[in-house]
Amino acid sequence: ELELYQNYPNPFNPVTTISFYLPQPEEVKLSVFNIVGQPISVIVEGTLSAGEKHVEWDASDRPSGMYIYQLEVGNKVMTRKMTLVK
């Protein structure tokens, strides 16, 4: 089953790893939004093979605060929160 895991470490400074599991090859979009819902980064966009995936996000150029990451796979959308502390 499709899974979106909590990023690690959390809170982080300035790099974190976002992991997810795909049960089959899928078209995927992994995005980061600020706390008011504005898109700030697309980390992954494209077709990925099945299995566990690990993606790093470098927030060196971003202010401290809460961010939301969103995984879109087919008609499913999953979100989680993460905290950047500088």
Protein backbone atom coordinates (compact mmCIF):
# COMPACT_ATOMS: atom_id res chain seq x y z
CA GLU A 1 0.00 0.00 0.00
CA LEU A 2 1.14 3.57 -0.72
CA GLU A 3 2.90 5.16 2.27
CA LEU A 4 4.31 8.61 3.04
CA TYR A 5 6.63 8.52 6.05
CA GLN A 6 7.53 11.29 8.48
CA ASN A 7 10.67 13.12 7.38
CA TYR A 8 13.90 12.52 9.30
CA PRO A 9 15.27 14.31 11.17
CA ASN A 10 12.38 16.49 12.26
CA PRO A 11 12.96 19.26 13.27
CA PHE A 12 15.85 19.66 10.82
CA ASN A 13 18.57 22.13 9.81
CA PRO A 14 18.99 22.52 6.86
CA VAL A 15 18.62 19.08 5.16
CA THR A 16 15.97 16.43 5.76
CA THR A 17 15.07 13.11 4.14
CA ILE A 18 11.53 12.40 2.96
CA SER A 19 10.69 8.74 2.38
CA PHE A 20 7.73 7.03 0.76
CA TYR A 21 6.75 3.59 -0.52
CA LEU A 22 5.22 2.82 -3.92
CA PRO A 23 3.54 -0.59 -4.30
CA GLN A 24 3.89 -0.40 -8.11
CA PRO A 25 5.48 1.90 -10.72
CA GLU A 26 3.59 5.20 -10.64
CA GLU A 27 3.56 8.81 -11.80
CA VAL A 28 4.61 10.76 -8.68
CA LYS A 29 4.81 14.39 -7.60
CA LEU A 30 6.42 15.33 -4.27
CA SER A 31 6.05 19.02 -3.38
CA VAL A 32 6.82 21.32 -0.46
CA PHE A 33 4.52 24.15 0.62
CA ASN A 34 4.89 26.90 3.22
CA ILE A 35 2.44 26.99 6.12
CA VAL A 36 -0.04 29.19 4.24
CA GLY A 37 -0.17 26.69 1.38
CA GLN A 38 2.01 28.40 -1.21
CA PRO A 39 4.10 25.95 -3.27
CA ILE A 40 7.83 26.54 -2.81
CA SER A 41 9.51 23.45 -4.25
CA VAL A 42 8.83 20.37 -6.38
CA ILE A 43 11.31 17.72 -5.22
CA VAL A 44 10.26 14.82 -7.45
CA GLU A 45 8.06 14.75 -10.55
CA GLY A 46 7.88 11.80 -12.90
CA THR A 47 7.43 8.05 -13.11
CA LEU A 48 9.18 6.04 -10.42
CA SER A 49 9.62 2.29 -10.01
CA ALA A 50 7.99 0.36 -7.18
CA GLY A 51 9.68 0.24 -3.77
CA GLU A 52 10.86 2.50 -0.98
CA LYS A 53 12.19 5.90 -2.04
CA HIS A 54 14.31 8.39 -0.08
CA VAL A 55 14.65 12.00 -1.22
CA GLU A 56 16.66 14.80 0.41
CA TRP A 57 15.35 18.35 0.65
CA ASP A 58 17.84 21.15 1.32
CA ALA A 59 16.16 24.15 2.94
CA SER A 60 19.32 26.27 3.26
CA ASP A 61 17.64 29.18 1.46
CA ARG A 62 14.40 28.98 3.48
CA PRO A 63 13.44 30.68 6.77
CA SER A 64 12.76 28.69 9.94
CA GLY A 65 9.22 27.48 10.36
CA MET A 66 6.68 24.82 9.56
CA TYR A 67 6.47 23.33 6.08
CA ILE A 68 4.09 20.84 4.50
CA TYR A 69 5.19 18.14 2.10
CA GLN A 70 2.69 16.52 -0.23
CA LEU A 71 2.87 13.29 -2.22
CA GLU A 72 0.52 12.96 -5.21
CA VAL A 73 0.20 9.49 -6.74
CA GLY A 74 -2.66 8.95 -9.17
CA ASN A 75 -5.80 10.25 -7.44
CA LYS A 76 -4.26 9.92 -3.95
CA VAL A 77 -2.79 12.89 -2.09
CA MET A 78 -0.92 12.48 1.22
CA THR A 79 0.55 15.28 3.33
CA ARG A 80 2.74 15.63 6.42
CA LYS A 81 4.30 18.52 8.34
CA MET A 82 7.96 19.21 9.04
CA THR A 83 9.79 21.91 10.99
CA LEU A 84 12.92 23.77 9.94
CA VAL A 85 14.88 25.22 12.88
CA LYS A 86 17.92 27.39 12.12
